[in-house]
Amino acid sequence: TTYLPGIVGLNNIKANDYANAVLQALSNVPPLRNYFLEEENY
């Protein structure tokens, strides 16, 4: 399958679709994303 990095589905384990939506939104906030992509930052 083809995909766009950063636009990737999150598995729904039980009733966590609400959390998945929040995590997806946070993962596309560039300053936050950039900080966490480089583990050495923290």
PDB file of all heavy atoms in Angstrom:
ATOM      1  N   THR A   1       0.835  -1.200   0.000  1.00  0.00           N
ATOM      2  CA  THR A   1       0.000   0.000   0.000  1.00  0.00           C
ATOM      3  C   THR A   1       0.872   1.252   0.000  1.00  0.00           C
ATOM      4  O   THR A   1       2.018   1.220   0.450  1.00  0.00           O
ATOM      5  CB  THR A   1      -0.927   0.037   1.235  1.00  0.00           C
ATOM      6  OG1 THR A   1      -0.118  -0.036   2.421  1.00  0.00           O
ATOM      7  CG2 THR A   1      -1.911  -1.110   1.233  1.00  0.00           C
ATOM      8  N   THR A   2       0.327   2.333  -0.526  1.00  0.00           N
ATOM      9  CA  THR A   2       1.040   3.607  -0.484  1.00  0.00           C
ATOM     10  C   THR A   2       0.415   4.478   0.601  1.00  0.00           C
ATOM     11  O   THR A   2      -0.781   4.360   0.897  1.00  0.00           O
ATOM     12  CB  THR A   2       0.989   4.340  -1.844  1.00  0.00           C
ATOM     13  OG1 THR A   2      -0.369   4.514  -2.220  1.00  0.00           O
ATOM     14  CG2 THR A   2       1.740   3.567  -2.901  1.00  0.00           C
ATOM     15  N   TYR A   3       1.235   5.328   1.170  1.00  0.00           N
ATOM     16  CA  TYR A   3       0.752   6.223   2.221  1.00  0.00           C
ATOM     17  C   TYR A   3       1.629   7.461   2.251  1.00  0.00           C
ATOM     18  O   TYR A   3       2.741   7.475   1.723  1.00  0.00           O
ATOM     19  CB  TYR A   3       0.765   5.527   3.584  1.00  0.00           C
ATOM     20  CG  TYR A   3       2.145   5.226   4.119  1.00  0.00           C
ATOM     21  CD1 TYR A   3       2.765   6.078   5.028  1.00  0.00           C
ATOM     22  CD2 TYR A   3       2.843   4.092   3.705  1.00  0.00           C
ATOM     23  CE1 TYR A   3       4.035   5.804   5.509  1.00  0.00           C
ATOM     24  CE2 TYR A   3       4.100   3.814   4.185  1.00  0.00           C
ATOM     25  CZ  TYR A   3       4.690   4.671   5.084  1.00  0.00           C
ATOM     26  OH  TYR A   3       5.940   4.406   5.560  1.00  0.00           O
ATOM     27  N   LEU A   4       1.117   8.494   2.854  1.00  0.00           N
ATOM     28  CA  LEU A   4       1.851   9.730   3.050  1.00  0.00           C
ATOM     29  C   LEU A   4       2.317   9.753   4.502  1.00  0.00           C
ATOM     30  O   LEU A   4       1.478   9.713   5.410  1.00  0.00           O
ATOM     31  CB  LEU A   4       0.941  10.927   2.750  1.00  0.00           C
ATOM     32  CG  LEU A   4       1.584  12.284   2.550  1.00  0.00           C
ATOM     33  CD1 LEU A   4       2.588  12.251   1.397  1.00  0.00           C
ATOM     34  CD2 LEU A   4       0.515  13.318   2.264  1.00  0.00           C
ATOM     35  N   PRO A   5       3.633   9.752   4.767  1.00  0.00           N
ATOM     36  CA  PRO A   5       4.096   9.783   6.166  1.00  0.00           C
ATOM     37  C   PRO A   5       3.437  10.945   6.918  1.00  0.00           C
ATOM     38  O   PRO A   5       3.330  12.059   6.409  1.00  0.00           O
ATOM     39  CB  PRO A   5       5.602   9.981   6.035  1.00  0.00           C
ATOM     40  CG  PRO A   5       5.941   9.353   4.723  1.00  0.00           C
ATOM     41  CD  PRO A   5       4.768   9.690   3.833  1.00  0.00           C
ATOM     42  N   GLY A   6       2.973  10.644   8.121  1.00  0.00           N
ATOM     43  CA  GLY A   6       2.258  11.630   8.922  1.00  0.00           C
ATOM     44  C   GLY A   6       0.758  11.531   8.734  1.00  0.00           C
ATOM     45  O   GLY A   6      -0.011  11.960   9.599  1.00  0.00           O
ATOM     46  N   ILE A   7       0.320  10.975   7.631  1.00  0.00           N
ATOM     47  CA  ILE A   7      -1.107  10.761   7.367  1.00  0.00           C
ATOM     48  C   ILE A   7      -1.310   9.246   7.360  1.00  0.00           C
ATOM     49  O   ILE A   7      -1.507   8.620   6.333  1.00  0.00           O
ATOM     50  CB  ILE A   7      -1.553  11.380   6.019  1.00  0.00           C
ATOM     51  CG1 ILE A   7      -1.032  12.795   5.871  1.00  0.00           C
ATOM     52  CG2 ILE A   7      -3.064  11.305   5.867  1.00  0.00           C
ATOM     53  CD1 ILE A   7      -1.575  13.794   6.888  1.00  0.00           C
ATOM     54  N   VAL A   8      -1.234   8.681   8.537  1.00  0.00           N
ATOM     55  CA  VAL A   8      -1.258   7.236   8.704  1.00  0.00           C
ATOM     56  C   VAL A   8      -2.368   6.898   9.686  1.00  0.00           C
ATOM     57  O   VAL A   8      -2.569   7.607  10.668  1.00  0.00           O
ATOM     58  CB  VAL A   8       0.109   6.750   9.261  1.00  0.00           C
ATOM     59  CG1 VAL A   8       0.110   5.262   9.515  1.00  0.00           C
ATOM     60  CG2 VAL A   8       1.226   7.113   8.314  1.00  0.00           C
ATOM     61  N   GLY A   9      -3.075   5.813   9.428  1.00  0.00           N
ATOM     62  CA  GLY A   9      -4.138   5.402  10.328  1.00  0.00           C
ATOM     63  C   GLY A   9      -3.605   4.894  11.653  1.00  0.00           C
ATOM     64  O   GLY A   9      -2.504   4.363  11.725  1.00  0.00           O
ATOM     65  N   LEU A  10      -4.416   5.070  12.698  1.00  0.00           N
ATOM     66  CA  LEU A  10      -4.105   4.509  14.013  1.00  0.00           C
ATOM     67  C   LEU A  10      -5.116   3.410  14.303  1.00  0.00           C
ATOM     68  O   LEU A  10      -6.322   3.610  14.112  1.00  0.00           O
ATOM     69  CB  LEU A  10      -4.188   5.589  15.099  1.00  0.00           C
ATOM     70  CG  LEU A  10      -3.051   6.600  15.134  1.00  0.00           C
ATOM     71  CD1 LEU A  10      -3.366   7.728  16.108  1.00  0.00           C
ATOM     72  CD2 LEU A  10      -1.758   5.931  15.526  1.00  0.00           C
ATOM     73  N   ASN A  11      -4.640   2.262  14.745  1.00  0.00           N
ATOM     74  CA  ASN A  11      -5.538   1.142  15.043  1.00  0.00           C
ATOM     75  C   ASN A  11      -6.513   1.521  16.141  1.00  0.00           C
ATOM     76  O   ASN A  11      -6.155   2.185  17.113  1.00  0.00           O
ATOM     77  CB  ASN A  11      -4.746  -0.081  15.503  1.00  0.00           C
ATOM     78  CG  ASN A  11      -3.910  -0.677  14.406  1.00  0.00           C
ATOM     79  OD1 ASN A  11      -4.000  -0.279  13.252  1.00  0.00           O
ATOM     80  ND2 ASN A  11      -3.083  -1.636  14.766  1.00  0.00           N
ATOM     81  N   ASN A  12      -7.753   1.074  15.988  1.00  0.00           N
ATOM     82  CA  ASN A  12      -8.753   1.240  17.027  1.00  0.00           C
ATOM     83  C   ASN A  12      -8.754  -0.030  17.860  1.00  0.00           C
ATOM     84  O   ASN A  12      -9.167  -1.082  17.391  1.00  0.00           O
ATOM     85  CB  ASN A  12     -10.129   1.496  16.398  1.00  0.00           C
ATOM     86  CG  ASN A  12     -11.088   2.101  17.388  1.00  0.00           C
ATOM     87  OD1 ASN A  12     -10.695   2.496  18.476  1.00  0.00           O
ATOM     88  ND2 ASN A  12     -12.353   2.161  17.023  1.00  0.00           N
ATOM     89  N   ILE A  13      -8.253   0.049  19.089  1.00  0.00           N
ATOM     90  CA  ILE A  13      -8.065  -1.135  19.918  1.00  0.00           C
ATOM     91  C   ILE A  13      -9.368  -1.519  20.630  1.00  0.00           C
ATOM     92  O   ILE A  13      -9.808  -2.641  20.574  1.00  0.00           O
ATOM     93  CB  ILE A  13      -6.913  -0.917  20.914  1.00  0.00           C
ATOM     94  CG1 ILE A  13      -5.623  -0.715  20.116  1.00  0.00           C
ATOM     95  CG2 ILE A  13      -6.791  -2.070  21.890  1.00  0.00           C
ATOM     96  CD1 ILE A  13      -4.494  -0.114  20.872  1.00  0.00           C
ATOM     97  N   LYS A  14      -9.982  -0.579  21.289  1.00  0.00           N
ATOM     98  CA  LYS A  14     -11.296  -0.792  21.927  1.00  0.00           C
ATOM     99  C   LYS A  14     -12.120   0.457  21.629  1.00  0.00           C
ATOM    100  O   LYS A  14     -12.605   0.613  20.534  1.00  0.00           O
ATOM    101  CB  LYS A  14     -11.155  -1.006  23.436  1.00  0.00           C
ATOM    102  CG  LYS A  14     -10.486  -2.293  23.828  1.00  0.00           C
ATOM    103  CD  LYS A  14     -11.461  -3.437  23.849  1.00  0.00           C
ATOM    104  CE  LYS A  14     -10.754  -4.693  24.355  1.00  0.00           C
ATOM    105  NZ  LYS A  14     -11.614  -5.829  24.399  1.00  0.00           N
ATOM    106  N   ALA A  15     -12.216   1.349  22.626  1.00  0.00           N
ATOM    107  CA  ALA A  15     -12.983   2.578  22.449  1.00  0.00           C
ATOM    108  C   ALA A  15     -12.036   3.774  22.481  1.00  0.00           C
ATOM    109  O   ALA A  15     -12.261   4.740  23.185  1.00  0.00           O
ATOM    110  CB  ALA A  15     -14.045   2.698  23.545  1.00  0.00           C
ATOM    111  N   ASN A  16     -10.966   3.689  21.700  1.00  0.00           N
ATOM    112  CA  ASN A  16      -9.948   4.735  21.760  1.00  0.00           C
ATOM    113  C   ASN A  16      -9.961   5.649  20.536  1.00  0.00           C
ATOM    114  O   ASN A  16      -9.007   6.376  20.306  1.00  0.00           O
ATOM    115  CB  ASN A  16      -8.554   4.128  21.937  1.00  0.00           C
ATOM    116  CG  ASN A  16      -8.172   3.227  20.782  1.00  0.00           C
ATOM    117  OD1 ASN A  16      -8.776   2.181  20.589  1.00  0.00           O
ATOM    118  ND2 ASN A  16      -7.183   3.627  20.008  1.00  0.00           N
ATOM    119  N   ASP A  17     -11.039   5.644  19.760  1.00  0.00           N
ATOM    120  CA  ASP A  17     -11.077   6.481  18.574  1.00  0.00           C
ATOM    121  C   ASP A  17     -10.982   7.964  18.923  1.00  0.00           C
ATOM    122  O   ASP A  17     -10.399   8.745  18.175  1.00  0.00           O
ATOM    123  CB  ASP A  17     -12.326   6.197  17.727  1.00  0.00           C
ATOM    124  CG  ASP A  17     -13.606   6.174  18.541  1.00  0.00           C
ATOM    125  OD1 ASP A  17     -13.548   5.832  19.731  1.00  0.00           O
ATOM    126  OD2 ASP A  17     -14.668   6.498  17.980  1.00  0.00           O
ATOM    127  N   TYR A  18     -11.529   8.374  20.073  1.00  0.00           N
ATOM    128  CA  TYR A  18     -11.422   9.760  20.523  1.00  0.00           C
ATOM    129  C   TYR A  18      -9.953  10.136  20.741  1.00  0.00           C
ATOM    130  O   TYR A  18      -9.508  11.209  20.342  1.00  0.00           O
ATOM    131  CB  TYR A  18     -12.213   9.969  21.820  1.00  0.00           C
ATOM    132  CG  TYR A  18     -11.618   9.215  22.988  1.00  0.00           C
ATOM    133  CD1 TYR A  18     -10.759   9.849  23.889  1.00  0.00           C
ATOM    134  CD2 TYR A  18     -11.880   7.855  23.176  1.00  0.00           C
ATOM    135  CE1 TYR A  18     -10.180   9.158  24.937  1.00  0.00           C
ATOM    136  CE2 TYR A  18     -11.304   7.160  24.223  1.00  0.00           C
ATOM    137  CZ  TYR A  18     -10.460   7.813  25.099  1.00  0.00           C
ATOM    138  OH  TYR A  18      -9.881   7.125  26.128  1.00  0.00           O
ATOM    139  N   ALA A  19      -9.193   9.245  21.358  1.00  0.00           N
ATOM    140  CA  ALA A  19      -7.769   9.516  21.618  1.00  0.00           C
ATOM    141  C   ALA A  19      -6.993   9.517  20.309  1.00  0.00           C
ATOM    142  O   ALA A  19      -6.081  10.321  20.124  1.00  0.00           O
ATOM    143  CB  ALA A  19      -7.198   8.479  22.582  1.00  0.00           C
ATOM    144  N   ASN A  20      -7.345   8.622  19.384  1.00  0.00           N
ATOM    145  CA  ASN A  20      -6.674   8.582  18.085  1.00  0.00           C
ATOM    146  C   ASN A  20      -6.815   9.907  17.353  1.00  0.00           C
ATOM    147  O   ASN A  20      -5.867  10.386  16.740  1.00  0.00           O
ATOM    148  CB  ASN A  20      -7.238   7.451  17.215  1.00  0.00           C
ATOM    149  CG  ASN A  20      -6.772   6.083  17.657  1.00  0.00           C
ATOM    150  OD1 ASN A  20      -5.983   5.963  18.590  1.00  0.00           O
ATOM    151  ND2 ASN A  20      -7.264   5.056  17.005  1.00  0.00           N
ATOM    152  N   ALA A  21      -7.997  10.505  17.424  1.00  0.00           N
ATOM    153  CA  ALA A  21      -8.218  11.794  16.751  1.00  0.00           C
ATOM    154  C   ALA A  21      -7.326  12.879  17.352  1.00  0.00           C
ATOM    155  O   ALA A  21      -6.724  13.676  16.626  1.00  0.00           O
ATOM    156  CB  ALA A  21      -9.687  12.195  16.848  1.00  0.00           C
ATOM    157  N   VAL A  22      -7.205  12.883  18.677  1.00  0.00           N
ATOM    158  CA  VAL A  22      -6.350  13.866  19.351  1.00  0.00           C
ATOM    159  C   VAL A  22      -4.885  13.634  18.981  1.00  0.00           C
ATOM    160  O   VAL A  22      -4.151  14.578  18.658  1.00  0.00           O
ATOM    161  CB  VAL A  22      -6.550  13.809  20.881  1.00  0.00           C
ATOM    162  CG1 VAL A  22      -5.521  14.660  21.602  1.00  0.00           C
ATOM    163  CG2 VAL A  22      -7.960  14.240  21.250  1.00  0.00           C
ATOM    164  N   LEU A  23      -4.449  12.379  18.997  1.00  0.00           N
ATOM    165  CA  LEU A  23      -3.060  12.050  18.663  1.00  0.00           C
ATOM    166  C   LEU A  23      -2.740  12.422  17.214  1.00  0.00           C
ATOM    167  O   LEU A  23      -1.657  12.938  16.922  1.00  0.00           O
ATOM    168  CB  LEU A  23      -2.777  10.573  18.917  1.00  0.00           C
ATOM    169  CG  LEU A  23      -2.783  10.148  20.381  1.00  0.00           C
ATOM    170  CD1 LEU A  23      -2.784   8.627  20.502  1.00  0.00           C
ATOM    171  CD2 LEU A  23      -1.613  10.758  21.129  1.00  0.00           C
ATOM    172  N   GLN A  24      -3.680  12.178  16.306  1.00  0.00           N
ATOM    173  CA  GLN A  24      -3.478  12.547  14.898  1.00  0.00           C
ATOM    174  C   GLN A  24      -3.322  14.065  14.768  1.00  0.00           C
ATOM    175  O   GLN A  24      -2.454  14.548  14.038  1.00  0.00           O
ATOM    176  CB  GLN A  24      -4.662  12.088  14.034  1.00  0.00           C
ATOM    177  CG  GLN A  24      -4.712  10.617  13.799  1.00  0.00           C
ATOM    178  CD  GLN A  24      -3.722  10.148  12.742  1.00  0.00           C
ATOM    179  OE1 GLN A  24      -2.830  10.858  12.316  1.00  0.00           O
ATOM    180  NE2 GLN A  24      -3.885   8.912  12.327  1.00  0.00           N
ATOM    181  N   ALA A  25      -4.165  14.818  15.464  1.00  0.00           N
ATOM    182  CA  ALA A  25      -4.087  16.281  15.393  1.00  0.00           C
ATOM    183  C   ALA A  25      -2.746  16.771  15.939  1.00  0.00           C
ATOM    184  O   ALA A  25      -2.075  17.602  15.310  1.00  0.00           O
ATOM    185  CB  ALA A  25      -5.247  16.907  16.164  1.00  0.00           C
ATOM    186  N   LEU A  26      -2.333  16.248  17.098  1.00  0.00           N
ATOM    187  CA  LEU A  26      -1.064  16.667  17.697  1.00  0.00           C
ATOM    188  C   LEU A  26       0.125  16.305  16.806  1.00  0.00           C
ATOM    189  O   LEU A  26       1.106  17.048  16.745  1.00  0.00           O
ATOM    190  CB  LEU A  26      -0.890  16.032  19.076  1.00  0.00           C
ATOM    191  CG  LEU A  26      -1.825  16.529  20.169  1.00  0.00           C
ATOM    192  CD1 LEU A  26      -1.651  15.706  21.436  1.00  0.00           C
ATOM    193  CD2 LEU A  26      -1.610  18.012  20.444  1.00  0.00           C
ATOM    194  N   SER A  27       0.030  15.184  16.109  1.00  0.00           N
ATOM    195  CA  SER A  27       1.156  14.747  15.273  1.00  0.00           C
ATOM    196  C   SER A  27       1.356  15.633  14.049  1.00  0.00           C
ATOM    197  O   SER A  27       2.371  15.538  13.377  1.00  0.00           O
ATOM    198  CB  SER A  27       0.959  13.299  14.820  1.00  0.00           C
ATOM    199  OG  SER A  27      -0.021  13.219  13.805  1.00  0.00           O
ATOM    200  N   ASN A  28       0.391  16.505  13.771  1.00  0.00           N
ATOM    201  CA  ASN A  28       0.503  17.396  12.617  1.00  0.00           C
ATOM    202  C   ASN A  28       0.675  18.856  13.005  1.00  0.00           C
ATOM    203  O   ASN A  28       0.441  19.748  12.191  1.00  0.00           O
ATOM    204  CB  ASN A  28      -0.702  17.196  11.693  1.00  0.00           C
ATOM    205  CG  ASN A  28      -0.541  15.936  10.869  1.00  0.00           C
ATOM    206  OD1 ASN A  28       0.152  15.928   9.874  1.00  0.00           O
ATOM    207  ND2 ASN A  28      -1.143  14.844  11.326  1.00  0.00           N
ATOM    208  N   VAL A  29       1.087  19.100  14.247  1.00  0.00           N
ATOM    209  CA  VAL A  29       1.469  20.445  14.693  1.00  0.00           C
ATOM    210  C   VAL A  29       2.987  20.511  14.539  1.00  0.00           C
ATOM    211  O   VAL A  29       3.717  19.919  15.330  1.00  0.00           O
ATOM    212  CB  VAL A  29       1.044  20.700  16.156  1.00  0.00           C
ATOM    213  CG1 VAL A  29       1.530  22.059  16.631  1.00  0.00           C
ATOM    214  CG2 VAL A  29      -0.462  20.558  16.304  1.00  0.00           C
ATOM    215  N   PRO A  30       3.489  21.192  13.484  1.00  0.00           N
ATOM    216  CA  PRO A  30       4.925  21.104  13.149  1.00  0.00           C
ATOM    217  C   PRO A  30       5.912  21.319  14.293  1.00  0.00           C
ATOM    218  O   PRO A  30       6.819  20.499  14.457  1.00  0.00           O
ATOM    219  CB  PRO A  30       5.090  22.132  12.024  1.00  0.00           C
ATOM    220  CG  PRO A  30       3.750  22.121  11.351  1.00  0.00           C
ATOM    221  CD  PRO A  30       2.750  21.965  12.471  1.00  0.00           C
ATOM    222  N   PRO A  31       5.799  22.370  15.135  1.00  0.00           N
ATOM    223  CA  PRO A  31       6.815  22.524  16.193  1.00  0.00           C
ATOM    224  C   PRO A  31       6.811  21.348  17.184  1.00  0.00           C
ATOM    225  O   PRO A  31       7.871  20.878  17.599  1.00  0.00           O
ATOM    226  CB  PRO A  31       6.417  23.822  16.901  1.00  0.00           C
ATOM    227  CG  PRO A  31       5.556  24.547  15.932  1.00  0.00           C
ATOM    228  CD  PRO A  31       4.862  23.505  15.116  1.00  0.00           C
ATOM    229  N   LEU A  32       5.625  20.862  17.526  1.00  0.00           N
ATOM    230  CA  LEU A  32       5.514  19.729  18.441  1.00  0.00           C
ATOM    231  C   LEU A  32       6.061  18.466  17.786  1.00  0.00           C
ATOM    232  O   LEU A  32       6.866  17.739  18.375  1.00  0.00           O
ATOM    233  CB  LEU A  32       4.040  19.536  18.821  1.00  0.00           C
ATOM    234  CG  LEU A  32       3.731  18.503  19.886  1.00  0.00           C
ATOM    235  CD1 LEU A  32       4.326  18.922  21.227  1.00  0.00           C
ATOM    236  CD2 LEU A  32       2.225  18.324  20.010  1.00  0.00           C
ATOM    237  N   ARG A  33       5.650  18.211  16.559  1.00  0.00           N
ATOM    238  CA  ARG A  33       6.121  17.045  15.802  1.00  0.00           C
ATOM    239  C   ARG A  33       7.639  17.063  15.674  1.00  0.00           C
ATOM    240  O   ARG A  33       8.308  16.071  15.947  1.00  0.00           O
ATOM    241  CB  ARG A  33       5.475  17.052  14.416  1.00  0.00           C
ATOM    242  CG  ARG A  33       6.044  16.007  13.477  1.00  0.00           C
ATOM    243  CD  ARG A  33       5.790  16.350  12.034  1.00  0.00           C
ATOM    244  NE  ARG A  33       6.545  17.533  11.639  1.00  0.00           N
ATOM    245  CZ  ARG A  33       6.243  18.266  10.569  1.00  0.00           C
ATOM    246  NH1 ARG A  33       5.213  17.980   9.821  1.00  0.00           N
ATOM    247  NH2 ARG A  33       6.984  19.317  10.269  1.00  0.00           N
ATOM    248  N   ASN A  34       8.190  18.197  15.267  1.00  0.00           N
ATOM    249  CA  ASN A  34       9.634  18.301  15.044  1.00  0.00           C
ATOM    250  C   ASN A  34      10.421  18.032  16.319  1.00  0.00           C
ATOM    251  O   ASN A  34      11.467  17.386  16.292  1.00  0.00           O
ATOM    252  CB  ASN A  34       9.995  19.657  14.469  1.00  0.00           C
ATOM    253  CG  ASN A  34       9.392  19.879  13.095  1.00  0.00           C
ATOM    254  OD1 ASN A  34       8.814  18.971  12.501  1.00  0.00           O
ATOM    255  ND2 ASN A  34       9.519  21.085  12.585  1.00  0.00           N
ATOM    256  N   TYR A  35       9.918  18.527  17.443  1.00  0.00           N
ATOM    257  CA  TYR A  35      10.588  18.305  18.717  1.00  0.00           C
ATOM    258  C   TYR A  35      10.634  16.811  19.039  1.00  0.00           C
ATOM    259  O   TYR A  35      11.677  16.279  19.436  1.00  0.00           O
ATOM    260  CB  TYR A  35       9.858  19.063  19.831  1.00  0.00           C
ATOM    261  CG  TYR A  35      10.481  18.876  21.195  1.00  0.00           C
ATOM    262  CD1 TYR A  35      11.599  19.617  21.577  1.00  0.00           C
ATOM    263  CD2 TYR A  35       9.968  17.956  22.099  1.00  0.00           C
ATOM    264  CE1 TYR A  35      12.181  19.443  22.824  1.00  0.00           C
ATOM    265  CE2 TYR A  35      10.538  17.767  23.342  1.00  0.00           C
ATOM    266  CZ  TYR A  35      11.647  18.514  23.703  1.00  0.00           C
ATOM    267  OH  TYR A  35      12.221  18.332  24.934  1.00  0.00           O
ATOM    268  N   PHE A  36       9.523  16.113  18.862  1.00  0.00           N
ATOM    269  CA  PHE A  36       9.441  14.711  19.248  1.00  0.00           C
ATOM    270  C   PHE A  36      10.044  13.755  18.229  1.00  0.00           C
ATOM    271  O   PHE A  36      10.342  12.615  18.572  1.00  0.00           O
ATOM    272  CB  PHE A  36       7.997  14.322  19.564  1.00  0.00           C
ATOM    273  CG  PHE A  36       7.579  14.768  20.941  1.00  0.00           C
ATOM    274  CD1 PHE A  36       6.861  15.929  21.112  1.00  0.00           C
ATOM    275  CD2 PHE A  36       7.945  14.039  22.053  1.00  0.00           C
ATOM    276  CE1 PHE A  36       6.496  16.356  22.379  1.00  0.00           C
ATOM    277  CE2 PHE A  36       7.593  14.457  23.322  1.00  0.00           C
ATOM    278  CZ  PHE A  36       6.864  15.611  23.485  1.00  0.00           C
ATOM    279  N   LEU A  37      10.230  14.191  16.993  1.00  0.00           N
ATOM    280  CA  LEU A  37      10.858  13.306  16.012  1.00  0.00           C
ATOM    281  C   LEU A  37      12.335  13.090  16.305  1.00  0.00           C
ATOM    282  O   LEU A  37      12.911  12.078  15.924  1.00  0.00           O
ATOM    283  CB  LEU A  37      10.693  13.868  14.590  1.00  0.00           C
ATOM    284  CG  LEU A  37       9.298  13.754  13.990  1.00  0.00           C
ATOM    285  CD1 LEU A  37       9.286  14.332  12.582  1.00  0.00           C
ATOM    286  CD2 LEU A  37       8.799  12.323  13.983  1.00  0.00           C
ATOM    287  N   GLU A  38      12.944  14.031  17.010  1.00  0.00           N
ATOM    288  CA  GLU A  38      14.361  13.916  17.363  1.00  0.00           C
ATOM    289  C   GLU A  38      14.471  13.564  18.847  1.00  0.00           C
ATOM    290  O   GLU A  38      14.382  14.428  19.721  1.00  0.00           O
ATOM    291  CB  GLU A  38      15.083  15.233  17.058  1.00  0.00           C
ATOM    292  CG  GLU A  38      16.492  15.033  16.634  1.00  0.00           C
ATOM    293  CD  GLU A  38      17.134  16.295  16.102  1.00  0.00           C
ATOM    294  OE1 GLU A  38      16.421  17.228  15.677  1.00  0.00           O
ATOM    295  OE2 GLU A  38      18.360  16.352  16.137  1.00  0.00           O
ATOM    296  N   GLU A  39      14.656  12.292  19.133  1.00  0.00           N
ATOM    297  CA  GLU A  39      14.650  11.801  20.515  1.00  0.00           C
ATOM    298  C   GLU A  39      15.689  12.488  21.398  1.00  0.00           C
ATOM    299  O   GLU A  39      15.497  12.632  22.607  1.00  0.00           O
ATOM    300  CB  GLU A  39      14.861  10.292  20.523  1.00  0.00           C
ATOM    301  CG  GLU A  39      14.617   9.649  21.858  1.00  0.00           C
ATOM    302  CD  GLU A  39      14.782   8.139  21.840  1.00  0.00           C
ATOM    303  OE1 GLU A  39      15.186   7.582  20.795  1.00  0.00           O
ATOM    304  OE2 GLU A  39      14.537   7.513  22.880  1.00  0.00           O
ATOM    305  N   GLU A  40      16.773  12.925  20.819  1.00  0.00           N
ATOM    306  CA  GLU A  40      17.817  13.599  21.591  1.00  0.00           C
ATOM    307  C   GLU A  40      17.292  14.864  22.282  1.00  0.00           C
ATOM    308  O   GLU A  40      17.860  15.296  23.279  1.00  0.00           O
ATOM    309  CB  GLU A  40      18.998  13.966  20.688  1.00  0.00           C
ATOM    310  CG  GLU A  40      19.926  12.811  20.406  1.00  0.00           C
ATOM    311  CD  GLU A  40      20.519  12.180  21.668  1.00  0.00           C
ATOM    312  OE1 GLU A  40      21.044  12.928  22.531  1.00  0.00           O
ATOM    313  OE2 GLU A  40      20.446  10.957  21.802  1.00  0.00           O
ATOM    314  N   ASN A  41      16.226  15.464  21.780  1.00  0.00           N
ATOM    315  CA  ASN A  41      15.656  16.671  22.387  1.00  0.00           C
ATOM    316  C   ASN A  41      15.192  16.443  23.823  1.00  0.00           C
ATOM    317  O   ASN A  41      15.197  17.365  24.623  1.00  0.00           O
ATOM    318  CB  ASN A  41      14.476  17.195  21.561  1.00  0.00           C
ATOM    319  CG  ASN A  41      14.920  17.816  20.265  1.00  0.00           C
ATOM    320  OD1 ASN A  41      16.044  18.296  20.134  1.00  0.00           O
ATOM    321  ND2 ASN A  41      14.044  17.800  19.277  1.00  0.00           N
ATOM    322  N   TYR A  42      14.761  15.230  24.141  1.00  0.00           N
ATOM    323  CA  TYR A  42      14.191  14.993  25.469  1.00  0.00           C
ATOM    324  C   TYR A  42      14.741  13.750  26.177  1.00  0.00           C
ATOM    325  O   TYR A  42      14.348  13.463  27.295  1.00  0.00           O
ATOM    326  CB  TYR A  42      12.663  14.897  25.375  1.00  0.00           C
ATOM    327  CG  TYR A  42      12.176  13.851  24.421  1.00  0.00           C
ATOM    328  CD1 TYR A  42      11.976  12.549  24.823  1.00  0.00           C
ATOM    329  CD2 TYR A  42      11.928  14.170  23.088  1.00  0.00           C
ATOM    330  CE1 TYR A  42      11.545  11.583  23.936  1.00  0.00           C
ATOM    331  CE2 TYR A  42      11.492  13.219  22.195  1.00  0.00           C
ATOM    332  CZ  TYR A  42      11.289  11.924  22.627  1.00  0.00           C
ATOM    333  OH  TYR A  42      10.864  10.975  21.741  1.00  0.00           O
TER     334      TYR A  42
END
